[in-house]
């Protein structure tokens, strides 16, 4: 389940799909590495909608 930070990252990416992890990290107040790690976790198959 996504937490508040995950939702902020997802919202930022929805608003500006081309935003860099560096800029997004400054906006949400965490390190660039944290944003990248959270993004990778969100993009993992476990979070994708099931196809059947």
Protein backbone atom coordinates (compact mmCIF):
# COMPACT_ATOMS: atom_id res chain seq x y z
CA UNK A 1 0.00 0.00 0.00
CA UNK A 2 1.31 3.44 -0.85
CA UNK A 3 1.95 5.79 2.05
CA UNK A 4 1.82 9.60 2.07
CA UNK A 5 5.29 9.94 0.56
CA UNK A 6 4.47 7.52 -2.24
CA UNK A 7 1.29 9.45 -2.97
CA UNK A 8 3.24 12.75 -3.12
CA UNK A 9 5.73 11.22 -5.55
CA UNK A 10 2.97 9.75 -7.71
CA UNK A 11 1.10 13.07 -7.68
CA UNK A 12 4.25 14.94 -8.70
CA UNK A 13 4.84 12.53 -11.57
CA UNK A 14 1.21 12.79 -12.68
CA UNK A 15 1.40 16.59 -12.70
CA UNK A 16 4.76 16.69 -14.47
CA UNK A 17 5.75 13.35 -16.04
CA UNK A 18 9.13 14.74 -17.18
CA UNK A 19 10.16 15.98 -13.71
CA UNK A 20 13.59 14.84 -12.55
CA UNK A 21 13.98 12.81 -9.38
CA UNK A 22 16.26 15.58 -8.14
CA UNK A 23 13.61 18.27 -8.48
CA UNK A 24 10.87 16.01 -7.14
CA UNK A 25 13.03 15.19 -4.12
CA UNK A 26 13.36 18.90 -3.34
CA UNK A 27 9.60 19.38 -3.60
CA UNK A 28 8.63 16.44 -1.36
CA UNK A 29 11.54 16.93 1.06
CA UNK A 30 13.47 13.69 0.76
CA UNK A 31 16.69 12.61 -0.96
CA UNK A 32 16.89 11.95 -4.67
CA UNK A 33 17.81 8.34 -3.86
CA UNK A 34 14.63 7.94 -1.79
CA UNK A 35 12.49 9.20 -4.67
CA UNK A 36 14.21 6.82 -7.09
CA UNK A 37 13.80 3.89 -4.70
CA UNK A 38 10.13 4.67 -4.05
CA UNK A 39 9.48 5.11 -7.77
CA UNK A 40 11.05 1.73 -8.49
CA UNK A 41 8.90 0.12 -5.82
CA UNK A 42 5.75 1.80 -7.21
CA UNK A 43 6.58 0.66 -10.72
CA UNK A 44 7.05 -2.96 -9.59
CA UNK A 45 4.46 -5.50 -10.80
CA UNK A 46 2.97 -5.87 -7.31
CA UNK A 47 1.50 -2.36 -7.59
CA UNK A 48 0.27 -2.69 -11.16
CA UNK A 49 -3.34 -3.48 -11.85
CA UNK A 50 -3.98 -7.14 -12.44
CA UNK A 51 -4.92 -8.09 -15.93
CA UNK A 52 -7.36 -10.78 -15.13
